[in-house]
Amino acid sequence: MSISDREIRHSTCVSVDGVGILIVGPSGSGKSTLAMKLIALGAFLVGDDRCLLIGDERGITVERPPNLPMGIEARGIGILRAPMTDNARLGLIVDLGKKETERLPEQQTAKIMGHDIPVFYDYKLDAFAQSLYIFARYGIVKDL
């Protein structure tokens, strides 16, 4: 890894206590919808539609590219104002392009800019957003 790797990703990111939740998936998969649910729980918007990832030896920081509006798209309504933060340290990825089928899955990771980041796949659970919010704040029980 160079001193600082940078790339733009088609994604939406929110921050829960400084922990970035990067939401990826195809267009129309619900990235902004999930982000709005997390914001309603107390998260802050980092960026919607595209996010700038900046990697270094300590981890990955996510920022809103400067040319994007400071808000989040609500289809059929417009760009909504939202509580925002300038950046967050990437803590987990939610991939809405894949479906989770296991009730208690093995933790998956993705290697991004040399760092292993926990990944969760879309799960049709009424409390999916709440579960992600709690994971970002408190982590997961590993010693079952």
C-alpha atoms as a PDB file:
ATOM      1  CA  MET A   1       0.000   0.000   0.000  1.00  0.00           C
ATOM      2  CA  SER A   2       1.245   3.438  -0.814  1.00  0.00           C
ATOM      3  CA  ILE A   3       1.232   6.161   1.811  1.00  0.00           C
ATOM      4  CA  SER A   4      -2.354   6.993   0.845  1.00  0.00           C
ATOM      5  CA  ASP A   5      -4.610   5.054  -1.551  1.00  0.00           C
ATOM      6  CA  ARG A   6      -7.715   6.857  -2.827  1.00  0.00           C
ATOM      7  CA  GLU A   7     -10.711   5.691  -4.826  1.00  0.00           C
ATOM      8  CA  ILE A   8     -14.329   6.656  -5.437  1.00  0.00           C
ATOM      9  CA  ARG A   9     -16.932   3.905  -4.907  1.00  0.00           C
ATOM     10  CA  HIS A  10     -20.578   3.832  -5.972  1.00  0.00           C
ATOM     11  CA  SER A  11     -21.939   3.593  -2.437  1.00  0.00           C
ATOM     12  CA  THR A  12     -23.592   5.369   0.465  1.00  0.00           C
ATOM     13  CA  CYS A  13     -21.949   5.748   3.866  1.00  0.00           C
ATOM     14  CA  VAL A  14     -23.227   6.617   7.319  1.00  0.00           C
ATOM     15  CA  SER A  15     -21.326   6.981  10.570  1.00  0.00           C
ATOM     16  CA  VAL A  16     -22.338   5.466  13.898  1.00  0.00           C
ATOM     17  CA  ASP A  17     -20.097   6.888  16.642  1.00  0.00           C
ATOM     18  CA  GLY A  18     -17.353   7.412  14.043  1.00  0.00           C
ATOM     19  CA  VAL A  19     -17.674   3.887  12.603  1.00  0.00           C
ATOM     20  CA  GLY A  20     -18.416   4.026   8.889  1.00  0.00           C
ATOM     21  CA  ILE A  21     -21.027   1.705   7.427  1.00  0.00           C
ATOM     22  CA  LEU A  22     -20.413   1.576   3.675  1.00  0.00           C
ATOM     23  CA  ILE A  23     -23.524   0.410   1.805  1.00  0.00           C
ATOM     24  CA  VAL A  24     -22.917  -0.997  -1.681  1.00  0.00           C
ATOM     25  CA  GLY A  25     -25.103  -2.663  -4.277  1.00  0.00           C
ATOM     26  CA  PRO A  26     -26.679  -2.154  -7.675  1.00  0.00           C
ATOM     27  CA  SER A  27     -28.693   0.934  -8.515  1.00  0.00           C
ATOM     28  CA  GLY A  28     -32.141   0.708  -6.906  1.00  0.00           C
ATOM     29  CA  SER A  29     -31.084  -1.950  -4.371  1.00  0.00           C
ATOM     30  CA  GLY A  30     -31.940   0.249  -1.379  1.00  0.00           C
ATOM     31  CA  LYS A  31     -28.636   1.862  -0.385  1.00  0.00           C
ATOM     32  CA  SER A  32     -30.185   5.240   0.404  1.00  0.00           C
ATOM     33  CA  THR A  33     -33.232   3.621   2.010  1.00  0.00           C
ATOM     34  CA  LEU A  34     -31.055   1.620   4.409  1.00  0.00           C
ATOM     35  CA  ALA A  35     -28.967   4.723   5.114  1.00  0.00           C
ATOM     36  CA  MET A  36     -32.123   6.716   5.957  1.00  0.00           C
ATOM     37  CA  LYS A  37     -33.203   3.981   8.375  1.00  0.00           C
ATOM     38  CA  LEU A  38     -29.786   4.177  10.056  1.00  0.00           C
ATOM     39  CA  ILE A  39     -29.964   7.988  10.160  1.00  0.00           C
ATOM     40  CA  ALA A  40     -33.387   7.715  11.821  1.00  0.00           C
ATOM     41  CA  LEU A  41     -31.667   5.639  14.524  1.00  0.00           C
ATOM     42  CA  GLY A  42     -29.015   8.327  15.104  1.00  0.00           C
ATOM     43  CA  ALA A  43     -26.360   7.768  12.419  1.00  0.00           C
ATOM     44  CA  PHE A  44     -24.827  10.663  10.485  1.00  0.00           C
ATOM     45  CA  LEU A  45     -24.591  10.757   6.696  1.00  0.00           C
ATOM     46  CA  VAL A  46     -21.079  10.784   5.252  1.00  0.00           C
ATOM     47  CA  GLY A  47     -22.035  10.595   1.562  1.00  0.00           C
ATOM     48  CA  ASP A  48     -24.778   9.348  -0.722  1.00  0.00           C
ATOM     49  CA  ASP A  49     -24.340   7.755  -4.153  1.00  0.00           C
ATOM     50  CA  ARG A  50     -20.543   7.998  -4.251  1.00  0.00           C
ATOM     51  CA  CYS A  51     -17.965   7.938  -1.483  1.00  0.00           C
ATOM     52  CA  LEU A  52     -14.259   8.663  -1.429  1.00  0.00           C
ATOM     53  CA  LEU A  53     -12.205   5.951   0.303  1.00  0.00           C
ATOM     54  CA  ILE A  54      -8.783   6.974   1.562  1.00  0.00           C
ATOM     55  CA  GLY A  55      -6.573   4.164   2.814  1.00  0.00           C
ATOM     56  CA  ASP A  56      -3.399   4.284   4.846  1.00  0.00           C
ATOM     57  CA  GLU A  57      -1.556   1.945   7.222  1.00  0.00           C
ATOM     58  CA  ARG A  58      -4.105   2.617  10.024  1.00  0.00           C
ATOM     59  CA  GLY A  59      -7.254   1.881   8.055  1.00  0.00           C
ATOM     60  CA  ILE A  60      -9.691   3.443   5.614  1.00  0.00           C
ATOM     61  CA  THR A  61     -11.396   6.795   5.961  1.00  0.00           C
ATOM     62  CA  VAL A  62     -14.607   7.498   4.033  1.00  0.00           C
ATOM     63  CA  GLU A  63     -15.496  11.029   2.895  1.00  0.00           C
ATOM     64  CA  ARG A  64     -18.100  12.687   0.682  1.00  0.00           C
ATOM     65  CA  PRO A  65     -16.583  13.784  -2.627  1.00  0.00           C
ATOM     66  CA  PRO A  66     -16.756  17.610  -2.715  1.00  0.00           C
ATOM     67  CA  ASN A  67     -18.905  17.736  -5.881  1.00  0.00           C
ATOM     68  CA  LEU A  68     -21.833  15.841  -4.296  1.00  0.00           C
ATOM     69  CA  PRO A  69     -24.757  17.539  -2.565  1.00  0.00           C
ATOM     70  CA  MET A  70     -24.854  17.544   1.221  1.00  0.00           C
ATOM     71  CA  GLY A  71     -27.937  15.366   1.480  1.00  0.00           C
ATOM     72  CA  ILE A  72     -29.480  12.018   0.637  1.00  0.00           C
ATOM     73  CA  GLU A  73     -31.705  11.049  -2.269  1.00  0.00           C
ATOM     74  CA  ALA A  74     -35.263  10.013  -1.474  1.00  0.00           C
ATOM     75  CA  ARG A  75     -36.736   8.742  -4.734  1.00  0.00           C
ATOM     76  CA  GLY A  76     -39.976  10.480  -5.552  1.00  0.00           C
ATOM     77  CA  ILE A  77     -39.240  13.293  -3.068  1.00  0.00           C
ATOM     78  CA  GLY A  78     -35.827  14.820  -3.787  1.00  0.00           C
ATOM     79  CA  ILE A  79     -32.531  15.404  -2.001  1.00  0.00           C
ATOM     80  CA  LEU A  80     -33.200  15.544   1.740  1.00  0.00           C
ATOM     81  CA  ARG A  81     -31.101  17.379   4.285  1.00  0.00           C
ATOM     82  CA  ALA A  82     -29.644  14.975   6.831  1.00  0.00           C
ATOM     83  CA  PRO A  83     -27.343  15.183   9.836  1.00  0.00           C
ATOM     84  CA  MET A  84     -23.863  14.970   8.321  1.00  0.00           C
ATOM     85  CA  THR A  85     -20.300  14.325   9.315  1.00  0.00           C
ATOM     86  CA  ASP A  86     -17.166  14.997   7.287  1.00  0.00           C
ATOM     87  CA  ASN A  87     -15.749  11.482   7.483  1.00  0.00           C
ATOM     88  CA  ALA A  88     -15.782   8.124   9.240  1.00  0.00           C
ATOM     89  CA  ARG A  89     -13.348   5.262   9.730  1.00  0.00           C
ATOM     90  CA  LEU A  90     -14.628   2.320   7.638  1.00  0.00           C
ATOM     91  CA  GLY A  91     -15.847  -0.362  10.033  1.00  0.00           C
ATOM     92  CA  LEU A  92     -18.173  -2.530   7.965  1.00  0.00           C
ATOM     93  CA  ILE A  93     -19.632  -3.009   4.518  1.00  0.00           C
ATOM     94  CA  VAL A  94     -23.219  -3.930   3.716  1.00  0.00           C
ATOM     95  CA  ASP A  95     -23.579  -5.504   0.259  1.00  0.00           C
ATOM     96  CA  LEU A  96     -27.198  -5.250  -0.880  1.00  0.00           C
ATOM     97  CA  GLY A  97     -26.334  -7.053  -4.115  1.00  0.00           C
ATOM     98  CA  LYS A  98     -26.061 -10.392  -2.305  1.00  0.00           C
ATOM     99  CA  LYS A  99     -28.531 -12.165  -0.037  1.00  0.00           C
ATOM    100  CA  GLU A 100     -27.646 -13.788   3.284  1.00  0.00           C
ATOM    101  CA  THR A 101     -29.418 -17.115   3.799  1.00  0.00           C
ATOM    102  CA  GLU A 102     -27.905 -18.288   7.076  1.00  0.00           C
ATOM    103  CA  ARG A 103     -29.456 -17.369  10.409  1.00  0.00           C
ATOM    104  CA  LEU A 104     -26.052 -17.078  12.149  1.00  0.00           C
ATOM    105  CA  PRO A 105     -23.535 -16.816   9.296  1.00  0.00           C
ATOM    106  CA  GLU A 106     -19.771 -17.035   9.545  1.00  0.00           C
ATOM    107  CA  GLN A 107     -18.313 -13.523   9.506  1.00  0.00           C
ATOM    108  CA  GLN A 108     -17.266 -12.558   5.984  1.00  0.00           C
ATOM    109  CA  THR A 109     -14.631  -9.956   5.179  1.00  0.00           C
ATOM    110  CA  ALA A 110     -13.517  -8.024   2.135  1.00  0.00           C
ATOM    111  CA  LYS A 111      -9.946  -6.898   1.583  1.00  0.00           C
ATOM    112  CA  ILE A 112      -9.975  -3.221   0.672  1.00  0.00           C
ATOM    113  CA  MET A 113      -6.745  -1.287   0.324  1.00  0.00           C
ATOM    114  CA  GLY A 114      -4.954  -3.983   2.294  1.00  0.00           C
ATOM    115  CA  HIS A 115      -7.446  -4.041   5.195  1.00  0.00           C
ATOM    116  CA  ASP A 116      -9.920  -6.783   6.077  1.00  0.00           C
ATOM    117  CA  ILE A 117     -13.349  -5.199   6.578  1.00  0.00           C
ATOM    118  CA  PRO A 118     -16.385  -7.132   7.912  1.00  0.00           C
ATOM    119  CA  VAL A 119     -19.101  -7.620   5.277  1.00  0.00           C
ATOM    120  CA  PHE A 120     -22.791  -8.275   5.752  1.00  0.00           C
ATOM    121  CA  TYR A 121     -25.200  -9.257   2.998  1.00  0.00           C
ATOM    122  CA  ASP A 122     -28.816  -8.190   2.612  1.00  0.00           C
ATOM    123  CA  TYR A 123     -31.048 -10.121   4.997  1.00  0.00           C
ATOM    124  CA  LYS A 124     -34.800  -9.808   4.969  1.00  0.00           C
ATOM    125  CA  LEU A 125     -35.103  -9.011   8.653  1.00  0.00           C
ATOM    126  CA  ASP A 126     -37.395  -6.325   9.988  1.00  0.00           C
ATOM    127  CA  ALA A 127     -34.604  -5.207  12.320  1.00  0.00           C
ATOM    128  CA  PHE A 128     -31.759  -5.328   9.750  1.00  0.00           C
ATOM    129  CA  ALA A 129     -30.948  -1.600  10.093  1.00  0.00           C
ATOM    130  CA  GLN A 130     -31.170  -1.793  13.887  1.00  0.00           C
ATOM    131  CA  SER A 131     -28.884  -4.843  13.913  1.00  0.00           C
ATOM    132  CA  LEU A 132     -26.268  -3.020  11.814  1.00  0.00           C
ATOM    133  CA  TYR A 133     -26.491   0.037  14.068  1.00  0.00           C
ATOM    134  CA  ILE A 134     -25.925  -2.084  17.194  1.00  0.00           C
ATOM    135  CA  PHE A 135     -23.043  -3.950  15.499  1.00  0.00           C
ATOM    136  CA  ALA A 136     -21.349  -0.635  14.647  1.00  0.00           C
ATOM    137  CA  ARG A 137     -21.705   0.626  18.223  1.00  0.00           C
ATOM    138  CA  TYR A 138     -21.012  -2.524  20.226  1.00  0.00           C
ATOM    139  CA  GLY A 139     -19.614  -5.302  18.012  1.00  0.00           C
ATOM    140  CA  ILE A 140     -20.555  -8.946  17.893  1.00  0.00           C
ATOM    141  CA  VAL A 141     -20.349 -11.815  20.387  1.00  0.00           C
ATOM    142  CA  LYS A 142     -17.604 -14.139  19.145  1.00  0.00           C
ATOM    143  CA  ASP A 143     -17.378 -16.664  21.980  1.00  0.00           C
ATOM    144  CA  LEU A 144     -20.576 -18.704  21.542  1.00  0.00           C
END
